[in-house]
Protein backbone atom coordinates (compact mmCIF):
# COMPACT_ATOMS: atom_id res chain seq x y z
CA MET A 1 -3.38 -3.12 46.95
CA LYS A 2 -4.53 -0.88 43.88
CA ILE A 3 -1.07 0.39 42.92
CA LEU A 4 0.15 -3.16 42.94
CA LYS A 5 -2.75 -4.43 41.12
CA TYR A 6 -1.96 -1.32 38.41
CA LYS A 7 1.83 -2.14 38.62
CA ILE A 8 1.46 -5.55 37.83
CA SER A 9 -1.23 -5.19 35.21
CA LYS A 10 1.47 -2.94 33.07
CA ILE A 11 4.32 -5.31 33.37
CA PHE A 12 1.94 -8.16 31.74
CA ILE A 13 0.74 -5.43 29.29
CA TYR A 14 4.45 -4.38 28.66
CA LEU A 15 5.23 -8.01 28.37
CA PHE A 16 2.61 -8.94 26.14
CA LEU A 17 3.87 -5.39 23.79
CA SER A 18 7.61 -6.84 24.08
CA LEU A 19 6.18 -10.43 22.80
CA LEU A 20 4.28 -8.92 19.85
CA LEU A 21 7.02 -7.01 19.14
CA ILE A 22 9.26 -9.66 19.02
CA PHE A 23 7.34 -11.84 16.69
CA THR A 24 6.17 -8.86 14.08
CA LEU A 25 10.35 -7.82 13.76
CA PHE A 26 11.85 -11.35 13.96
CA PRO A 27 10.98 -12.29 10.16
CA LEU A 28 12.19 -8.56 9.12
CA VAL A 29 15.37 -8.85 11.27
CA TYR A 30 15.80 -12.72 9.61
CA ALA A 31 15.28 -12.19 6.06
CA PHE A 32 17.78 -8.86 6.32
CA PHE A 33 21.05 -10.77 7.71
CA GLY A 34 19.72 -14.19 5.28
CA SER A 35 20.12 -11.49 2.15
CA PHE A 36 23.81 -11.66 2.89
CA LYS A 37 24.39 -14.76 3.52
CA SER A 38 25.49 -17.22 0.47
CA ASN A 39 22.55 -19.82 -0.65
CA LEU A 40 24.24 -23.31 0.71
CA GLU A 41 24.68 -21.12 4.01
CA PHE A 42 21.27 -19.90 4.20
CA LEU A 43 19.71 -23.24 2.87
CA ALA A 44 21.58 -24.87 5.44
CA GLY A 45 19.37 -22.88 8.08
CA GLY A 46 20.66 -23.49 11.28
CA SER A 47 20.39 -21.06 14.28
CA ASN A 48 22.66 -18.32 13.72
CA ILE A 49 20.85 -15.34 12.56
CA PHE A 50 24.04 -13.62 11.44
CA PRO A 51 26.01 -14.45 8.42
CA GLU A 52 29.43 -16.08 8.31
CA LYS A 53 30.61 -14.13 5.79
CA TRP A 54 28.77 -10.80 4.29
CA ASN A 55 27.82 -11.17 0.68
CA ILE A 56 27.29 -7.57 -0.50
CA GLU A 57 27.49 -9.34 -3.66
CA ASN A 58 23.71 -10.85 -3.19
CA TYR A 59 21.94 -7.47 -3.59
CA ILE A 60 24.41 -6.27 -6.64
CA PHE A 61 23.50 -9.55 -8.68
CA ALA A 62 19.68 -8.59 -7.60
CA TRP A 63 20.11 -5.41 -8.74
CA ARG A 64 22.07 -5.83 -12.10
CA GLU A 65 21.36 -9.48 -13.36
CA ALA A 66 17.94 -10.16 -12.39
CA ASN A 67 16.86 -6.81 -14.24
CA PHE A 68 15.66 -5.48 -10.88
CA ALA A 69 16.47 -1.84 -11.69
CA ARG A 70 13.67 -2.08 -14.13
CA TYR A 71 11.04 -3.78 -11.92
CA THR A 72 11.78 -1.38 -9.61
CA PHE A 73 11.15 1.58 -11.65
CA ASN A 74 8.13 -0.21 -12.54
CA SER A 75 6.66 -0.55 -9.32
CA VAL A 76 7.13 3.06 -8.62
CA PHE A 77 5.56 3.92 -11.54
CA ILE A 78 2.44 1.86 -10.90
CA SER A 79 2.29 2.70 -7.13
CA VAL A 80 3.25 6.65 -7.73
CA MET A 81 0.21 7.02 -10.50
CA THR A 82 -2.13 4.76 -8.36
CA THR A 83 -1.61 6.98 -5.36
CA VAL A 84 -2.31 10.14 -7.86
CA LEU A 85 -5.20 8.86 -9.55
CA THR A 86 -7.03 7.42 -6.24
CA LEU A 87 -6.60 10.62 -4.35
CA ILE A 88 -7.82 12.62 -7.11
CA ILE A 89 -11.16 10.70 -8.16
CA ALA A 90 -11.73 9.70 -4.63
CA GLY A 91 -11.17 13.17 -3.33
CA MET A 92 -13.99 14.47 -5.98
CA ALA A 93 -16.62 11.27 -5.57
CA SER A 94 -16.45 11.63 -2.03
CA TYR A 95 -17.03 16.00 -2.21
CA VAL A 96 -20.23 14.93 -4.38
CA LEU A 97 -21.43 12.10 -2.00
CA VAL A 98 -21.48 14.51 0.79
CA HIS A 99 -23.52 17.40 -0.70
CA ILE A 100 -25.08 16.00 -3.86
CA ALA A 101 -25.77 12.53 -3.26
CA GLY A 102 -28.56 13.25 -0.81
CA LYS A 103 -30.70 9.49 -0.05
CA MET A 104 -28.93 7.84 -2.78
CA LYS A 105 -25.47 8.11 -0.48
CA GLY A 106 -26.21 5.15 1.91
CA PHE A 107 -27.06 3.20 -1.00
CA LEU A 108 -23.79 4.06 -3.28
CA MET A 109 -21.97 3.54 0.15
CA ALA A 110 -23.09 0.44 0.70
CA LEU A 111 -22.57 -0.92 -2.92
CA MET A 112 -18.69 0.28 -2.24
CA GLY A 113 -18.46 -1.74 0.97
CA MET A 114 -19.86 -4.69 -0.89
CA VAL A 115 -17.15 -4.52 -3.80
CA MET A 116 -14.57 -4.67 -0.84
CA PHE A 117 -15.19 -8.03 -0.43
CA VAL A 118 -14.77 -9.47 -3.74
CA PRO A 119 -11.89 -11.59 -3.77
CA ASN A 120 -9.03 -10.16 -6.78
CA ALA A 121 -8.82 -13.92 -7.75
CA VAL A 122 -12.77 -13.76 -8.97
CA LEU A 123 -11.92 -10.94 -11.16
CA ILE A 124 -8.70 -11.65 -12.61
CA TYR A 125 -10.14 -13.22 -15.97
CA PRO A 126 -12.58 -10.00 -16.46
CA ILE A 127 -10.19 -7.52 -15.50
CA PHE A 128 -7.90 -9.35 -18.15
CA LYS A 129 -10.65 -9.17 -20.95
CA MET A 130 -11.52 -5.83 -20.68
CA CYS A 131 -7.65 -4.90 -20.54
CA LYS A 132 -7.72 -6.57 -23.74
CA MET A 133 -10.36 -4.96 -25.43
CA LEU A 134 -9.16 -1.83 -24.53
CA GLY A 135 -5.56 -2.19 -25.84
CA LEU A 136 -3.93 -1.97 -22.39
CA MET A 137 -2.36 -5.23 -22.67
CA GLY A 138 1.62 -5.24 -22.81
CA SER A 139 1.07 -1.45 -20.55
CA LEU A 140 1.54 -0.22 -17.29
CA TRP A 141 -1.33 1.65 -17.67
CA SER A 142 -2.95 -1.79 -17.47
CA MET A 143 -1.76 -2.26 -13.64
CA VAL A 144 -2.06 1.43 -12.68
CA LEU A 145 -5.93 1.17 -13.57
CA THR A 146 -6.51 -1.76 -12.20
CA GLN A 147 -4.89 -1.03 -9.12
CA THR A 148 -6.65 2.53 -8.47
CA ALA A 149 -10.00 0.35 -9.18
CA SER A 150 -9.41 -2.06 -6.68
CA VAL A 151 -8.33 0.52 -3.71
CA LEU A 152 -11.10 3.20 -5.01
CA PRO A 153 -14.05 1.85 -2.73
CA PHE A 154 -12.25 1.81 0.14
CA THR A 155 -10.43 4.83 -0.28
CA VAL A 156 -14.06 6.72 -1.20
CA ILE A 157 -15.77 5.55 2.13
CA LEU A 158 -12.75 6.82 4.33
CA VAL A 159 -12.56 10.09 2.67
CA THR A 160 -16.52 10.48 2.42
CA SER A 161 -16.62 10.07 6.43
CA TYR A 162 -14.04 12.66 7.34
CA MET A 163 -15.61 14.98 4.59
CA SER A 164 -18.78 14.36 6.21
CA GLY A 165 -17.04 15.66 9.68
CA VAL A 166 -16.03 19.14 7.82
CA SER A 167 -17.74 22.57 9.09
CA LYS A 168 -20.96 23.65 7.02
CA GLU A 169 -20.35 27.08 8.43
CA ILE A 170 -17.27 26.97 6.79
CA GLU A 171 -18.40 26.19 3.32
CA GLU A 172 -21.32 28.44 3.43
CA ALA A 173 -18.85 31.73 4.63
CA ALA A 174 -17.10 30.88 1.49
CA GLU A 175 -19.74 30.71 -0.85
CA ILE A 176 -20.93 33.90 0.76
CA ASP A 177 -17.81 35.26 0.00
CA GLY A 178 -18.50 34.11 -3.80
CA CYS A 179 -16.44 30.85 -4.01
CA GLY A 180 -18.20 28.24 -6.03
CA PHE A 181 -19.06 24.48 -6.00
CA PHE A 182 -15.69 23.49 -7.13
CA GLY A 183 -14.12 26.39 -5.40
CA ILE A 184 -14.75 25.32 -2.10
CA PHE A 185 -13.57 21.68 -3.10
CA LEU A 186 -10.52 23.01 -3.92
CA ARG A 187 -9.49 25.97 -1.67
CA ILE A 188 -11.61 24.78 1.39
CA VAL A 189 -12.59 21.04 1.09
CA MET A 190 -9.14 19.86 0.03
CA PRO A 191 -6.96 21.74 2.22
CA LEU A 192 -8.98 20.81 5.64
CA SER A 193 -8.96 16.70 4.44
CA LYS A 194 -5.39 16.75 3.78
CA PRO A 195 -4.69 14.04 6.75
CA ILE A 196 -7.23 11.32 5.43
CA LEU A 197 -5.98 12.25 2.18
CA ALA A 198 -2.32 11.49 3.54
CA THR A 199 -3.52 8.06 5.08
CA SER A 200 -5.67 6.90 1.50
CA ALA A 201 -2.03 8.24 -0.38
CA LEU A 202 -0.21 5.89 2.11
CA PHE A 203 -3.02 2.90 1.75
CA ALA A 204 -3.14 3.29 -2.42
CA PHE A 205 0.86 2.95 -2.40
CA LYS A 206 0.79 0.01 0.16
CA ASN A 207 -1.91 -1.54 -2.05
CA ALA A 208 -0.33 -1.13 -5.66
CA TRP A 209 3.43 -1.99 -4.57
CA ASN A 210 2.14 -4.94 -2.61
CA SER A 211 0.06 -6.33 -4.97
CA TYR A 212 0.90 -9.68 -6.51
CA LEU A 213 -1.88 -11.34 -8.05
CA LEU A 214 -3.00 -8.80 -10.93
CA PRO A 215 0.32 -7.94 -11.47
CA LEU A 216 1.15 -11.23 -12.45
CA ALA A 217 -1.80 -11.76 -14.59
CA LEU A 218 -1.39 -8.59 -16.76
CA SER A 219 2.29 -9.38 -17.21
CA ILE A 220 2.89 -12.78 -17.71
CA SER A 221 3.40 -12.83 -21.07
CA LYS A 222 5.90 -9.46 -21.07
CA PRO A 223 8.30 -9.77 -18.37
CA GLU A 224 9.28 -6.39 -18.73
CA LEU A 225 6.66 -5.16 -17.21
CA ARG A 226 6.78 -7.14 -14.15
CA PRO A 227 6.48 -5.12 -10.52
CA LEU A 228 8.64 -5.94 -8.00
CA THR A 229 6.70 -8.20 -5.98
CA VAL A 230 6.72 -10.63 -9.26
CA GLY A 231 10.15 -9.82 -9.82
CA VAL A 232 11.00 -10.70 -6.41
CA LEU A 233 9.77 -14.17 -6.95
CA ALA A 234 11.50 -14.72 -10.18
CA LEU A 235 14.81 -14.25 -8.38
CA LYS A 236 14.65 -17.19 -7.13
CA ASP A 237 15.30 -19.19 -10.50
CA VAL A 238 18.08 -17.04 -11.83
CA GLY A 239 20.98 -19.51 -10.07
CA GLU A 240 22.32 -22.79 -12.34
CA GLY A 241 19.91 -26.26 -11.34
CA ILE A 242 19.39 -24.64 -7.52
CA SER A 243 16.67 -22.30 -6.12
CA SER A 244 18.85 -18.90 -5.30
CA TRP A 245 17.00 -18.34 -2.18
CA ASN A 246 20.00 -15.82 -1.04
CA ILE A 247 19.33 -13.56 -4.13
CA MET A 248 15.53 -13.53 -3.85
CA ILE A 249 15.50 -12.35 0.15
CA ALA A 250 18.13 -10.27 -0.77
CA GLY A 251 15.10 -8.61 -3.81
CA SER A 252 12.75 -8.74 -0.85
CA VAL A 253 14.50 -6.10 1.26
CA ILE A 254 14.49 -4.00 -1.50
CA SER A 255 11.30 -4.17 -2.39
CA ILE A 256 10.32 -3.74 1.46
CA VAL A 257 12.76 -0.27 1.70
CA PRO A 258 10.59 2.17 -0.15
CA MET A 259 7.71 1.23 1.90
CA VAL A 260 9.59 1.93 5.55
CA ILE A 261 10.48 5.19 3.85
CA LEU A 262 7.51 6.53 3.27
CA TYR A 263 5.80 5.32 6.32
CA ILE A 264 8.45 6.98 8.16
CA PHE A 265 7.64 10.57 6.55
CA MET A 266 4.17 10.08 6.64
CA ASN A 267 3.57 8.57 9.63
CA ARG A 268 2.53 11.51 11.46
CA TYR A 269 -0.28 12.24 8.65
CA PHE A 270 -1.28 8.61 9.06
CA ILE A 271 -1.81 8.66 12.84
CA GLU A 272 -3.68 12.02 12.47
CA GLY A 273 -6.37 10.84 9.77
CA MET A 274 -6.76 7.16 11.25
CA THR A 275 -7.62 8.87 14.45
CA SER A 276 -9.03 12.15 13.33
CA GLY A 277 -13.22 11.34 13.62
CA SER A 278 -12.52 9.32 17.21
CA VAL A 279 -13.24 12.33 18.74
CA LYS A 280 -16.34 14.57 18.08
CA GLY A 281 -17.31 18.15 19.47
């Protein structure tokens, strides 16, 4: 009887997971095949997922005629530089919080946790004015710095929690061998924190790559600074007299590819970083 109940429960679990997988993947599959349709066929809708005629020209037009190559460069630059700055700053800040902050650690962690829940919409105008005062308007660095600032609180909390679990005996042994404060950070703590740093890098890259509201505000007067997320929406209006939804979908598929590739290569580190602190002792 117990074996029968176990098998039935497994069937329901697999059925639920299968339905969840279908609901998750269907929009991606529909968008992929829809990106090869003509605009009229796409607007006509219907139950046919596959295009009647495969139009690779949608991708060519999105890439060449709609300045998509420039948008891609902007997104790559913003995302890579945001990730690098986030890892450097979060790594140093977390190390200081673990070893120096003392009684202030709890207060600072709570403050960063509170900042995480402030909506970006509330911060747009202050950030816009600040970038203007610093002379960053008209530069991709305005987006790099704002994206770094937006993801830092979460990253610092994540890395600090991980570094708190690094064996103090290893650090003490390194100190006895003559390794200084920064030497321990660079040679001991950072290499041991590779899993959580890889996870943080993936989160930082994803946040910068998918961000829309702040890049839109900071590039509104300079279309050449648009990242892919902003440029994709602009693709809808490249046609004459009718919204080019097929071109926009083709651009959306292009914008998804880098994140998928990154996750495939970083998946092992991502899982390891997310589960490393779940088991102690």
